[in-house]
């Protein structure tokens, strides 16, 4: 129960921070994540460039359907793609 409550607080704070930054004109929801986090990497460079702030806030990737297939085709093993908590 405690972890669920902590996660809810975390989500609310993230949305509030994003809303404040948007209202102050410092950020837009359709801004690319790499504009703020230049070392951010997701799959390949093409996929990385497509990820927007709104995708992170809504827990969606914004990437095409075959992004994970592309990871395997680029040489990663299926087990490494499947590994819990690993970020590409």
Foldseek 3Di string as FASTA:
>chain_A
DVVVVVVVVVLVVVVVVVVVCVVVVNDDQQAQPCVVVVPDDAQDPVQNRRAGNVCVSVVHRRDDPCSLVSNVVVPDDPCVSVDPPDGD
